[in-house]
Amino acid sequence: MRAAQVTRLDGPSSVEVVDLPDPDDAGGTRVVIEVAAAGICFPDVLLTRGQYQVTPDLPFVPGSEVAGRVRSAPTGSGFEEGDRVAAFPFLGGFAEVVAADPQAVFPLPERTTYEQGAALPMNYLTCHFALRERGRLREGETVLVQGAAGGIGTAAVQLAKAWGARVVAVVSSEDRAQVARRAGADEVVLADGFRGAVADLTGGRGADLVVDPVGGDRFTDSLRSLAPGGRLLVIGFTAGSIPEVKVNRLLLTNVSVVGVGWGAWWTHPAGPGAAVLRRQWDDLVPLLESGAVDPVIGEVRDLAEAAAALATVDERRAVGKVLLTP
């Protein structure tokens, strides 16, 4: 099979498309999937530099989310040859064939395309965890989404909107504003001066929740944009720098900074385990079937262009979800 392999930890340029043996089913314990589409997320970029919290031995094939058709499945897994599925293999997705734990494989609704399916596992399950488990989102609250034209951003916009929130999207340019509106944002503001715009839109009260996959120099004004009792959800640092917070600000304004580590949550020995992934997925299915969740797809590139596609995400040029097709 063709696969995009990381051969050295030099960033996206370290990815080379090579021929590798097809993965096996690990003694009948894994679902083998013929990949129709694979999603690219920011952790894939970090993996190419050895900067992610997990550091696989070289060489390795990145790619944590895919959609395709089942080639083979363990007895009793609930999957059969030919089933349409999405999956979260964590590694190996940038290939024509991948093997995944049955607990991280999900049935794909008939109306959901493979491209849409490949955009779901990392971003939407992360945002499901962020908004439901960590943010305790309530209907009628106001949610401010940073980086609202990217993969995490558009997922957060759609889920918050589907669960009854008013969504204010923050984007870096006018062309990205159209993407955030397409995702369903109620209002869209530019990053430059967003704090004042949010104050105007909320009558000075501020947002109940901030979803922040960006970090960097937006963080302080995101914190200042919270209403009393508000929660800032820290999902990532695509801006490249990790901000710091003065905890007296939290005390004086009665706000919270909340970490969102989806993978660390369900993989921790004291966590809920991989079985929680299917429960999350089942919560999304009605939203997929109704059209409330409709992933915003950006670039779709051939597997041979994996390095260029990763660079698009790395350089923050991605609009919507970037995908690879074998």
C-alpha atoms as a PDB file:
ATOM      1  CA  MET A   1       0.000   0.000   0.000  1.00  0.00           C
ATOM      2  CA  ARG A   2       0.991   3.658  -0.345  1.00  0.00           C
ATOM      3  CA  ALA A   3       1.551   5.504   2.915  1.00  0.00           C
ATOM      4  CA  ALA A   4       2.866   8.901   4.009  1.00  0.00           C
ATOM      5  CA  GLN A   5       5.679   8.172   6.447  1.00  0.00           C
ATOM      6  CA  VAL A   6       7.607  10.432   8.832  1.00  0.00           C
ATOM      7  CA  THR A   7      11.272   9.563   8.431  1.00  0.00           C
ATOM      8  CA  ARG A   8      12.844  12.366  10.499  1.00  0.00           C
ATOM      9  CA  LEU A   9      11.509  14.955  12.940  1.00  0.00           C
ATOM     10  CA  ASP A  10      11.872  18.042  10.760  1.00  0.00           C
ATOM     11  CA  GLY A  11       8.221  19.051  10.433  1.00  0.00           C
ATOM     12  CA  PRO A  12       5.920  18.451   7.453  1.00  0.00           C
ATOM     13  CA  SER A  13       8.864  18.285   5.050  1.00  0.00           C
ATOM     14  CA  SER A  14       9.914  15.056   6.791  1.00  0.00           C
ATOM     15  CA  VAL A  15       6.962  13.181   5.287  1.00  0.00           C
ATOM     16  CA  GLU A  16       7.691  10.832   2.387  1.00  0.00           C
ATOM     17  CA  VAL A  17       5.215   8.708   0.441  1.00  0.00           C
ATOM     18  CA  VAL A  18       6.460   5.114   0.361  1.00  0.00           C
ATOM     19  CA  ASP A  19       5.237   1.579  -0.291  1.00  0.00           C
ATOM     20  CA  LEU A  20       4.633  -0.470   2.867  1.00  0.00           C
ATOM     21  CA  PRO A  21       3.021  -3.810   3.656  1.00  0.00           C
ATOM     22  CA  ASP A  22      -0.673  -3.653   4.467  1.00  0.00           C
ATOM     23  CA  PRO A  23      -1.338  -3.690   8.234  1.00  0.00           C
ATOM     24  CA  ASP A  24      -2.666  -6.936   9.649  1.00  0.00           C
ATOM     25  CA  ASP A  25      -5.466  -7.478  12.119  1.00  0.00           C
ATOM     26  CA  ALA A  26      -3.102  -8.161  15.063  1.00  0.00           C
ATOM     27  CA  GLY A  27      -4.281 -11.697  15.567  1.00  0.00           C
ATOM     28  CA  GLY A  28      -7.920 -10.950  14.907  1.00  0.00           C
ATOM     29  CA  THR A  29      -8.162  -8.089  17.408  1.00  0.00           C
ATOM     30  CA  ARG A  30      -8.314  -5.061  15.104  1.00  0.00           C
ATOM     31  CA  VAL A  31     -10.593  -3.739  12.389  1.00  0.00           C
ATOM     32  CA  VAL A  32      -8.795  -3.379   9.045  1.00  0.00           C
ATOM     33  CA  ILE A  33     -10.154  -0.477   7.005  1.00  0.00           C
ATOM     34  CA  GLU A  34      -9.651   0.484   3.367  1.00  0.00           C
ATOM     35  CA  VAL A  35      -9.194   4.243   3.686  1.00  0.00           C
ATOM     36  CA  ALA A  36     -11.316   6.509   1.485  1.00  0.00           C
ATOM     37  CA  ALA A  37     -10.332   9.769   3.226  1.00  0.00           C
ATOM     38  CA  ALA A  38      -8.090  10.822   6.122  1.00  0.00           C
ATOM     39  CA  GLY A  39      -8.310  14.014   8.146  1.00  0.00           C
ATOM     40  CA  ILE A  40      -5.359  16.196   9.111  1.00  0.00           C
ATOM     41  CA  CYS A  41      -5.305  17.773  12.564  1.00  0.00           C
ATOM     42  CA  PHE A  42      -2.779  19.903  14.426  1.00  0.00           C
ATOM     43  CA  PRO A  43      -1.402  17.001  16.517  1.00  0.00           C
ATOM     44  CA  ASP A  44      -0.328  15.377  13.223  1.00  0.00           C
ATOM     45  CA  VAL A  45       1.854  18.425  12.601  1.00  0.00           C
ATOM     46  CA  LEU A  46       3.313  18.263  16.112  1.00  0.00           C
ATOM     47  CA  LEU A  47       4.112  14.571  15.615  1.00  0.00           C
ATOM     48  CA  THR A  48       6.270  15.418  12.588  1.00  0.00           C
ATOM     49  CA  ARG A  49       8.477  17.484  14.923  1.00  0.00           C
ATOM     50  CA  GLY A  50       8.415  15.171  17.930  1.00  0.00           C
ATOM     51  CA  GLN A  51       6.532  17.866  19.858  1.00  0.00           C
ATOM     52  CA  TYR A  52       3.403  15.914  20.726  1.00  0.00           C
ATOM     53  CA  GLN A  53       2.955  14.266  24.135  1.00  0.00           C
ATOM     54  CA  VAL A  54       3.278  10.884  22.418  1.00  0.00           C
ATOM     55  CA  THR A  55       6.485  10.327  20.432  1.00  0.00           C
ATOM     56  CA  PRO A  56       6.377   7.227  18.203  1.00  0.00           C
ATOM     57  CA  ASP A  57       9.593   5.564  17.121  1.00  0.00           C
ATOM     58  CA  LEU A  58      10.815   6.505  13.641  1.00  0.00           C
ATOM     59  CA  PRO A  59       9.752   5.843  10.992  1.00  0.00           C
ATOM     60  CA  PHE A  60       5.981   6.015  11.502  1.00  0.00           C
ATOM     61  CA  VAL A  61       2.832   6.786   9.542  1.00  0.00           C
ATOM     62  CA  PRO A  62       0.779   9.632  11.061  1.00  0.00           C
ATOM     63  CA  GLY A  63      -2.949  10.074  10.592  1.00  0.00           C
ATOM     64  CA  SER A  64      -5.395   9.855  13.478  1.00  0.00           C
ATOM     65  CA  GLU A  65      -8.781   9.995  11.768  1.00  0.00           C
ATOM     66  CA  VAL A  66     -10.107   8.180   8.728  1.00  0.00           C
ATOM     67  CA  ALA A  67     -13.248   7.030   6.985  1.00  0.00           C
ATOM     68  CA  GLY A  68     -13.595   4.079   4.662  1.00  0.00           C
ATOM     69  CA  ARG A  69     -14.876   0.535   4.243  1.00  0.00           C
ATOM     70  CA  VAL A  70     -14.180  -2.432   6.514  1.00  0.00           C
ATOM     71  CA  ARG A  71     -11.960  -5.100   4.956  1.00  0.00           C
ATOM     72  CA  SER A  72     -12.051  -7.391   7.987  1.00  0.00           C
ATOM     73  CA  ALA A  73     -13.200  -7.201  11.600  1.00  0.00           C
ATOM     74  CA  PRO A  74     -12.935  -9.304  14.769  1.00  0.00           C
ATOM     75  CA  THR A  75     -15.792 -11.634  15.577  1.00  0.00           C
ATOM     76  CA  GLY A  76     -18.191  -9.942  17.953  1.00  0.00           C
ATOM     77  CA  SER A  77     -16.912  -6.430  17.205  1.00  0.00           C
ATOM     78  CA  GLY A  78     -20.195  -5.372  15.638  1.00  0.00           C
ATOM     79  CA  PHE A  79     -18.526  -4.709  12.282  1.00  0.00           C
ATOM     80  CA  GLU A  80     -18.476  -6.773   9.111  1.00  0.00           C
ATOM     81  CA  GLU A  81     -16.698  -6.670   5.762  1.00  0.00           C
ATOM     82  CA  GLY A  82     -18.079  -3.852   3.637  1.00  0.00           C
ATOM     83  CA  ASP A  83     -19.377  -1.669   6.480  1.00  0.00           C
ATOM     84  CA  ARG A  84     -18.950   2.090   6.052  1.00  0.00           C
ATOM     85  CA  VAL A  85     -17.088   3.471   9.068  1.00  0.00           C
ATOM     86  CA  ALA A  86     -15.115   6.331  10.547  1.00  0.00           C
ATOM     87  CA  ALA A  87     -12.256   5.572  12.916  1.00  0.00           C
ATOM     88  CA  PHE A  88      -9.651   7.037  15.249  1.00  0.00           C
ATOM     89  CA  PRO A  89      -6.526   4.883  14.788  1.00  0.00           C
ATOM     90  CA  PHE A  90      -4.279   7.678  16.195  1.00  0.00           C
ATOM     91  CA  LEU A  91      -1.441   6.536  13.898  1.00  0.00           C
ATOM     92  CA  GLY A  92      -1.403   4.974  10.454  1.00  0.00           C
ATOM     93  CA  GLY A  93      -4.263   6.887   8.843  1.00  0.00           C
ATOM     94  CA  PHE A  94      -2.245   8.499   6.045  1.00  0.00           C
ATOM     95  CA  ALA A  95      -2.283   5.288   4.048  1.00  0.00           C
ATOM     96  CA  GLU A  96      -4.469   3.223   1.765  1.00  0.00           C
ATOM     97  CA  VAL A  97      -5.204   0.729   4.559  1.00  0.00           C
ATOM     98  CA  VAL A  98      -5.224   1.147   8.351  1.00  0.00           C
ATOM     99  CA  ALA A  99      -5.963  -1.056  11.372  1.00  0.00           C
ATOM    100  CA  ALA A 100      -7.846   0.283  14.391  1.00  0.00           C
ATOM    101  CA  ASP A 101      -9.109  -0.843  17.793  1.00  0.00           C
ATOM    102  CA  PRO A 102     -12.794  -1.819  17.413  1.00  0.00           C
ATOM    103  CA  GLN A 103     -13.696   0.584  20.244  1.00  0.00           C
ATOM    104  CA  ALA A 104     -12.348   3.457  18.118  1.00  0.00           C
ATOM    105  CA  VAL A 105     -14.341   2.497  15.013  1.00  0.00           C
ATOM    106  CA  PHE A 106     -17.760   4.030  14.407  1.00  0.00           C
ATOM    107  CA  PRO A 107     -20.607   3.269  11.992  1.00  0.00           C
ATOM    108  CA  LEU A 108     -21.036   5.980   9.390  1.00  0.00           C
ATOM    109  CA  PRO A 109     -24.628   7.108   8.701  1.00  0.00           C
ATOM    110  CA  GLU A 110     -25.680   6.590   5.098  1.00  0.00           C
ATOM    111  CA  ARG A 111     -26.099  10.304   4.394  1.00  0.00           C
ATOM    112  CA  THR A 112     -22.591  11.058   5.707  1.00  0.00           C
ATOM    113  CA  THR A 113     -19.878  10.992   3.034  1.00  0.00           C
ATOM    114  CA  TYR A 114     -16.432   9.529   3.577  1.00  0.00           C
ATOM    115  CA  GLU A 115     -14.947  13.025   3.419  1.00  0.00           C
ATOM    116  CA  GLN A 116     -17.339  14.222   6.119  1.00  0.00           C
ATOM    117  CA  GLY A 117     -16.648  11.102   8.161  1.00  0.00           C
ATOM    118  CA  ALA A 118     -12.890  11.670   8.080  1.00  0.00           C
ATOM    119  CA  ALA A 119     -13.431  15.195   9.449  1.00  0.00           C
ATOM    120  CA  LEU A 120     -15.270  13.966  12.543  1.00  0.00           C
ATOM    121  CA  PRO A 121     -13.305  11.792  15.020  1.00  0.00           C
ATOM    122  CA  MET A 122     -10.628  14.115  16.401  1.00  0.00           C
ATOM    123  CA  ASN A 123     -12.308  17.515  16.097  1.00  0.00           C
ATOM    124  CA  TYR A 124     -15.908  16.686  16.904  1.00  0.00           C
ATOM    125  CA  LEU A 125     -15.243  14.218  19.710  1.00  0.00           C
ATOM    126  CA  THR A 126     -12.774  16.710  21.218  1.00  0.00           C
ATOM    127  CA  CYS A 127     -15.350  19.500  21.038  1.00  0.00           C
ATOM    128  CA  HIS A 128     -18.059  17.197  22.380  1.00  0.00           C
ATOM    129  CA  PHE A 129     -15.837  16.550  25.404  1.00  0.00           C
ATOM    130  CA  ALA A 130     -14.949  20.246  25.668  1.00  0.00           C
ATOM    131  CA  LEU A 131     -18.480  21.604  25.598  1.00  0.00           C
ATOM    132  CA  ARG A 132     -20.324  18.825  27.419  1.00  0.00           C
ATOM    133  CA  GLU A 133     -17.847  17.429  29.951  1.00  0.00           C
ATOM    134  CA  ARG A 134     -15.442  20.296  30.641  1.00  0.00           C
ATOM    135  CA  GLY A 135     -17.458  23.386  29.747  1.00  0.00           C
ATOM    136  CA  ARG A 136     -20.829  22.196  31.094  1.00  0.00           C
ATOM    137  CA  LEU A 137     -22.540  24.126  28.312  1.00  0.00           C
ATOM    138  CA  ARG A 138     -26.145  25.085  29.005  1.00  0.00           C
ATOM    139  CA  GLU A 139     -28.790  26.018  26.475  1.00  0.00           C
ATOM    140  CA  GLY A 140     -29.002  29.779  25.970  1.00  0.00           C
ATOM    141  CA  GLU A 141     -25.387  30.512  26.934  1.00  0.00           C
ATOM    142  CA  THR A 142     -23.072  32.577  24.747  1.00  0.00           C
ATOM    143  CA  VAL A 143     -20.029  30.755  23.359  1.00  0.00           C
ATOM    144  CA  LEU A 144     -17.027  32.594  21.912  1.00  0.00           C
ATOM    145  CA  VAL A 145     -14.995  30.449  19.516  1.00  0.00           C
ATOM    146  CA  GLN A 146     -11.426  31.430  18.641  1.00  0.00           C
ATOM    147  CA  GLY A 147      -9.960  30.196  15.345  1.00  0.00           C
ATOM    148  CA  ALA A 148     -13.533  29.622  14.203  1.00  0.00           C
ATOM    149  CA  ALA A 149     -12.659  28.891  10.549  1.00  0.00           C
ATOM    150  CA  GLY A 150     -10.374  25.941  11.329  1.00  0.00           C
ATOM    151  CA  GLY A 151     -11.191  22.302  11.972  1.00  0.00           C
ATOM    152  CA  ILE A 152     -11.668  22.580  15.742  1.00  0.00           C
ATOM    153  CA  GLY A 153     -13.298  25.992  15.388  1.00  0.00           C
ATOM    154  CA  THR A 154     -15.965  24.941  12.904  1.00  0.00           C
ATOM    155  CA  ALA A 155     -16.698  21.817  14.966  1.00  0.00           C
ATOM    156  CA  ALA A 156     -17.123  23.905  18.122  1.00  0.00           C
ATOM    157  CA  VAL A 157     -19.396  26.364  16.309  1.00  0.00           C
ATOM    158  CA  GLN A 158     -21.660  23.606  15.006  1.00  0.00           C
ATOM    159  CA  LEU A 159     -21.933  21.660  18.250  1.00  0.00           C
ATOM    160  CA  ALA A 160     -22.500  24.725  20.415  1.00  0.00           C
ATOM    161  CA  LYS A 161     -25.171  25.941  18.016  1.00  0.00           C
ATOM    162  CA  ALA A 162     -26.822  22.502  17.883  1.00  0.00           C
ATOM    163  CA  TRP A 163     -27.020  22.464  21.687  1.00  0.00           C
ATOM    164  CA  GLY A 164     -28.782  25.810  21.890  1.00  0.00           C
ATOM    165  CA  ALA A 165     -25.966  28.306  22.410  1.00  0.00           C
ATOM    166  CA  ARG A 166     -25.515  31.717  20.858  1.00  0.00           C
ATOM    167  CA  VAL A 167     -22.188  31.485  19.013  1.00  0.00           C
ATOM    168  CA  VAL A 168     -19.791  34.359  18.411  1.00  0.00           C
ATOM    169  CA  ALA A 169     -16.943  33.388  16.086  1.00  0.00           C
ATOM    170  CA  VAL A 170     -13.496  35.021  16.051  1.00  0.00           C
ATOM    171  CA  VAL A 171     -11.552  34.857  12.781  1.00  0.00           C
ATOM    172  CA  SER A 172      -8.419  36.484  11.405  1.00  0.00           C
ATOM    173  CA  SER A 173      -9.771  37.727   8.050  1.00  0.00           C
ATOM    174  CA  GLU A 174     -12.935  38.480   6.108  1.00  0.00           C
ATOM    175  CA  ASP A 175     -12.624  35.392   3.894  1.00  0.00           C
ATOM    176  CA  ARG A 176     -12.510  33.202   6.993  1.00  0.00           C
ATOM    177  CA  ALA A 177     -15.598  34.982   8.308  1.00  0.00           C
ATOM    178  CA  GLN A 178     -17.599  33.362   5.506  1.00  0.00           C
ATOM    179  CA  VAL A 179     -16.422  29.922   6.661  1.00  0.00           C
ATOM    180  CA  ALA A 180     -17.509  30.603  10.240  1.00  0.00           C
ATOM    181  CA  ARG A 181     -20.923  31.773   9.021  1.00  0.00           C
ATOM    182  CA  ARG A 182     -21.213  28.644   6.910  1.00  0.00           C
ATOM    183  CA  ALA A 183     -20.526  26.603  10.045  1.00  0.00           C
ATOM    184  CA  GLY A 184     -23.477  28.324  11.710  1.00  0.00           C
ATOM    185  CA  ALA A 185     -22.051  31.166  13.826  1.00  0.00           C
ATOM    186  CA  ASP A 186     -24.604  33.781  14.894  1.00  0.00           C
ATOM    187  CA  GLU A 187     -22.063  36.608  14.808  1.00  0.00           C
ATOM    188  CA  VAL A 188     -18.526  36.822  13.438  1.00  0.00           C
ATOM    189  CA  VAL A 189     -15.874  39.302  14.570  1.00  0.00           C
ATOM    190  CA  LEU A 190     -12.287  39.845  13.507  1.00  0.00           C
ATOM    191  CA  ALA A 191      -9.475  38.911  15.885  1.00  0.00           C
ATOM    192  CA  ASP A 192      -8.159  42.463  15.823  1.00  0.00           C
ATOM    193  CA  GLY A 193     -10.249  44.191  18.489  1.00  0.00           C
ATOM    194  CA  PHE A 194     -12.458  41.198  19.251  1.00  0.00           C
ATOM    195  CA  ARG A 195     -12.704  42.031  22.963  1.00  0.00           C
ATOM    196  CA  GLY A 196     -14.566  45.280  22.296  1.00  0.00           C
ATOM    197  CA  ALA A 197     -16.772  43.649  19.699  1.00  0.00           C
ATOM    198  CA  VAL A 198     -17.751  40.869  22.113  1.00  0.00           C
ATOM    199  CA  ALA A 199     -18.556  43.429  24.805  1.00  0.00           C
ATOM    200  CA  ASP A 200     -20.825  45.288  22.362  1.00  0.00           C
ATOM    201  CA  LEU A 201     -22.569  42.107  21.230  1.00  0.00           C
ATOM    202  CA  THR A 202     -23.259  40.971  24.791  1.00  0.00           C
ATOM    203  CA  GLY A 203     -24.215  44.342  26.266  1.00  0.00           C
ATOM    204  CA  GLY A 204     -20.994  44.357  28.290  1.00  0.00           C
ATOM    205  CA  ARG A 205     -21.738  41.044  30.000  1.00  0.00           C
ATOM    206  CA  GLY A 206     -19.278  38.861  28.098  1.00  0.00           C
ATOM    207  CA  ALA A 207     -19.322  35.230  26.993  1.00  0.00           C
ATOM    208  CA  ASP A 208     -20.206  32.280  29.203  1.00  0.00           C
ATOM    209  CA  LEU A 209     -17.725  29.998  27.418  1.00  0.00           C
ATOM    210  CA  VAL A 210     -14.639  30.613  25.312  1.00  0.00           C
ATOM    211  CA  VAL A 211     -13.348  27.778  23.131  1.00  0.00           C
ATOM    212  CA  ASP A 212      -9.650  28.461  22.500  1.00  0.00           C
ATOM    213  CA  PRO A 213      -7.543  26.240  20.235  1.00  0.00           C
ATOM    214  CA  VAL A 214      -5.272  29.205  19.406  1.00  0.00           C
ATOM    215  CA  GLY A 215      -3.612  30.478  22.586  1.00  0.00           C
ATOM    216  CA  GLY A 216      -0.871  33.039  22.011  1.00  0.00           C
ATOM    217  CA  ASP A 217      -1.626  36.727  22.355  1.00  0.00           C
ATOM    218  CA  ARG A 218      -5.409  36.267  22.146  1.00  0.00           C
ATOM    219  CA  PHE A 219      -5.557  34.454  25.464  1.00  0.00           C
ATOM    220  CA  THR A 220      -5.616  37.438  27.835  1.00  0.00           C
ATOM    221  CA  ASP A 221      -8.397  39.219  25.980  1.00  0.00           C
ATOM    222  CA  SER A 222     -10.322  35.940  25.781  1.00  0.00           C
ATOM    223  CA  LEU A 223     -10.116  35.756  29.561  1.00  0.00           C
ATOM    224  CA  ARG A 224     -11.244  39.377  29.816  1.00  0.00           C
ATOM    225  CA  SER A 225     -14.184  38.580  27.539  1.00  0.00           C
ATOM    226  CA  LEU A 226     -15.732  36.139  30.003  1.00  0.00           C
ATOM    227  CA  ALA A 227     -18.899  36.902  31.912  1.00  0.00           C
ATOM    228  CA  PRO A 228     -18.888  36.342  35.695  1.00  0.00           C
ATOM    229  CA  GLY A 229     -18.740  32.600  36.234  1.00  0.00           C
ATOM    230  CA  GLY A 230     -17.469  32.089  32.695  1.00  0.00           C
ATOM    231  CA  ARG A 231     -15.176  29.267  31.572  1.00  0.00           C
ATOM    232  CA  LEU A 232     -12.270  29.431  29.128  1.00  0.00           C
ATOM    233  CA  LEU A 233     -11.609  26.056  27.493  1.00  0.00           C
ATOM    234  CA  VAL A 234      -7.943  25.526  26.587  1.00  0.00           C
ATOM    235  CA  ILE A 235      -7.807  23.123  23.630  1.00  0.00           C
ATOM    236  CA  GLY A 236      -4.502  23.930  21.929  1.00  0.00           C
ATOM    237  CA  PHE A 237      -1.905  26.449  20.875  1.00  0.00           C
ATOM    238  CA  THR A 238      -1.945  26.815  17.103  1.00  0.00           C
ATOM    239  CA  ALA A 239      -0.508  30.316  17.523  1.00  0.00           C
ATOM    240  CA  GLY A 240       2.699  28.599  18.598  1.00  0.00           C
ATOM    241  CA  SER A 241       3.091  30.079  22.074  1.00  0.00           C
ATOM    242  CA  ILE A 242       1.659  28.893  25.382  1.00  0.00           C
ATOM    243  CA  PRO A 243       0.174  31.779  27.408  1.00  0.00           C
ATOM    244  CA  GLU A 244       0.280  32.204  31.155  1.00  0.00           C
ATOM    245  CA  VAL A 245      -2.482  33.389  33.467  1.00  0.00           C
ATOM    246  CA  LYS A 246      -2.298  35.454  36.635  1.00  0.00           C
ATOM    247  CA  VAL A 247      -4.527  33.536  38.993  1.00  0.00           C
ATOM    248  CA  ASN A 248      -5.623  36.656  40.881  1.00  0.00           C
ATOM    249  CA  ARG A 249      -7.629  37.518  37.760  1.00  0.00           C
ATOM    250  CA  LEU A 250      -9.567  34.280  38.201  1.00  0.00           C
ATOM    251  CA  LEU A 251     -10.280  35.117  41.824  1.00  0.00           C
ATOM    252  CA  LEU A 252     -11.380  38.697  41.210  1.00  0.00           C
ATOM    253  CA  THR A 253     -13.688  37.895  38.294  1.00  0.00           C
ATOM    254  CA  ASN A 254     -14.945  34.449  39.336  1.00  0.00           C
ATOM    255  CA  VAL A 255     -13.946  32.819  36.063  1.00  0.00           C
ATOM    256  CA  SER A 256     -12.269  29.504  35.285  1.00  0.00           C
ATOM    257  CA  VAL A 257      -9.555  28.298  32.921  1.00  0.00           C
ATOM    258  CA  VAL A 258     -10.335  24.688  32.040  1.00  0.00           C
ATOM    259  CA  GLY A 259      -7.993  22.222  30.358  1.00  0.00           C
ATOM    260  CA  VAL A 260      -9.404  20.109  27.529  1.00  0.00           C
ATOM    261  CA  GLY A 261      -7.243  17.046  26.902  1.00  0.00           C
ATOM    262  CA  TRP A 262      -9.620  14.645  25.160  1.00  0.00           C
ATOM    263  CA  GLY A 263      -7.054  11.887  24.616  1.00  0.00           C
ATOM    264  CA  ALA A 264      -5.596  12.267  28.115  1.00  0.00           C
ATOM    265  CA  TRP A 265      -9.117  11.929  29.523  1.00  0.00           C
ATOM    266  CA  TRP A 266     -10.142   8.583  28.081  1.00  0.00           C
ATOM    267  CA  THR A 267      -6.681   6.973  27.995  1.00  0.00           C
ATOM    268  CA  HIS A 268      -5.820   7.763  31.633  1.00  0.00           C
ATOM    269  CA  PRO A 269      -5.864   4.712  33.946  1.00  0.00           C
ATOM    270  CA  ALA A 270      -8.497   6.473  36.052  1.00  0.00           C
ATOM    271  CA  GLY A 271     -10.438   7.682  33.009  1.00  0.00           C
ATOM    272  CA  PRO A 272     -13.499   6.187  31.314  1.00  0.00           C
ATOM    273  CA  GLY A 273     -11.549   4.161  28.757  1.00  0.00           C
ATOM    274  CA  ALA A 274     -12.089   3.815  25.023  1.00  0.00           C
ATOM    275  CA  ALA A 275     -15.668   2.628  25.474  1.00  0.00           C
ATOM    276  CA  VAL A 276     -16.658   6.271  26.012  1.00  0.00           C
ATOM    277  CA  LEU A 277     -15.787   7.041  22.382  1.00  0.00           C
ATOM    278  CA  ARG A 278     -18.760   5.090  21.055  1.00  0.00           C
ATOM    279  CA  ARG A 279     -21.070   6.845  23.515  1.00  0.00           C
ATOM    280  CA  GLN A 280     -19.787  10.191  22.257  1.00  0.00           C
ATOM    281  CA  TRP A 281     -20.245   9.082  18.653  1.00  0.00           C
ATOM    282  CA  ASP A 282     -23.787   7.883  19.302  1.00  0.00           C
ATOM    283  CA  ASP A 283     -24.542  11.343  20.723  1.00  0.00           C
ATOM    284  CA  LEU A 284     -23.381  12.891  17.425  1.00  0.00           C
ATOM    285  CA  VAL A 285     -25.306  10.581  15.078  1.00  0.00           C
ATOM    286  CA  PRO A 286     -28.704  12.338  15.420  1.00  0.00           C
ATOM    287  CA  LEU A 287     -26.957  15.656  14.696  1.00  0.00           C
ATOM    288  CA  LEU A 288     -25.338  14.159  11.600  1.00  0.00           C
ATOM    289  CA  GLU A 289     -28.644  12.746  10.420  1.00  0.00           C
ATOM    290  CA  SER A 290     -30.451  16.061  10.934  1.00  0.00           C
ATOM    291  CA  GLY A 291     -27.714  18.085   9.240  1.00  0.00           C
ATOM    292  CA  ALA A 292     -26.949  20.104  12.406  1.00  0.00           C
ATOM    293  CA  VAL A 293     -23.427  18.658  12.177  1.00  0.00           C
ATOM    294  CA  ASP A 294     -22.079  19.092   8.658  1.00  0.00           C
ATOM    295  CA  PRO A 295     -18.264  19.300   8.672  1.00  0.00           C
ATOM    296  CA  VAL A 296     -16.836  22.215   6.722  1.00  0.00           C
ATOM    297  CA  ILE A 297     -14.389  20.696   4.250  1.00  0.00           C
ATOM    298  CA  GLY A 298     -11.504  22.813   3.002  1.00  0.00           C
ATOM    299  CA  GLU A 299      -8.692  21.370   0.895  1.00  0.00           C
ATOM    300  CA  VAL A 300      -8.845  17.777  -0.311  1.00  0.00           C
ATOM    301  CA  ARG A 301      -5.455  16.553  -1.544  1.00  0.00           C
ATOM    302  CA  ASP A 302      -4.046  13.314  -2.840  1.00  0.00           C
ATOM    303  CA  LEU A 303      -1.985  11.249  -0.401  1.00  0.00           C
ATOM    304  CA  ALA A 304       1.083  12.120  -2.484  1.00  0.00           C
ATOM    305  CA  GLU A 305       0.645  15.731  -1.308  1.00  0.00           C
ATOM    306  CA  ALA A 306       0.639  14.873   2.395  1.00  0.00           C
ATOM    307  CA  ALA A 307       3.640  17.091   3.186  1.00  0.00           C
ATOM    308  CA  ALA A 308       2.038  20.119   1.501  1.00  0.00           C
ATOM    309  CA  ALA A 309      -1.293  19.456   3.224  1.00  0.00           C
ATOM    310  CA  LEU A 310       0.404  19.263   6.634  1.00  0.00           C
ATOM    311  CA  ALA A 311       2.225  22.518   5.869  1.00  0.00           C
ATOM    312  CA  THR A 312      -1.124  24.203   5.208  1.00  0.00           C
ATOM    313  CA  VAL A 313      -2.239  23.292   8.731  1.00  0.00           C
ATOM    314  CA  ASP A 314       1.166  24.113  10.221  1.00  0.00           C
ATOM    315  CA  GLU A 315       1.200  27.597   8.692  1.00  0.00           C
ATOM    316  CA  ARG A 316      -2.403  28.335   9.750  1.00  0.00           C
ATOM    317  CA  ARG A 317      -3.571  28.630   6.147  1.00  0.00           C
ATOM    318  CA  ALA A 318      -6.209  25.926   6.564  1.00  0.00           C
ATOM    319  CA  VAL A 319      -9.838  26.926   6.125  1.00  0.00           C
ATOM    320  CA  GLY A 320     -12.179  24.174   7.289  1.00  0.00           C
ATOM    321  CA  LYS A 321     -10.950  20.611   7.473  1.00  0.00           C
ATOM    322  CA  VAL A 322      -7.966  19.522   5.357  1.00  0.00           C
ATOM    323  CA  LEU A 323      -8.238  15.974   4.012  1.00  0.00           C
ATOM    324  CA  LEU A 324      -6.129  13.408   2.155  1.00  0.00           C
ATOM    325  CA  THR A 325      -7.501  10.828  -0.249  1.00  0.00           C
ATOM    326  CA  PRO A 326      -5.450   7.721  -1.185  1.00  0.00           C
END
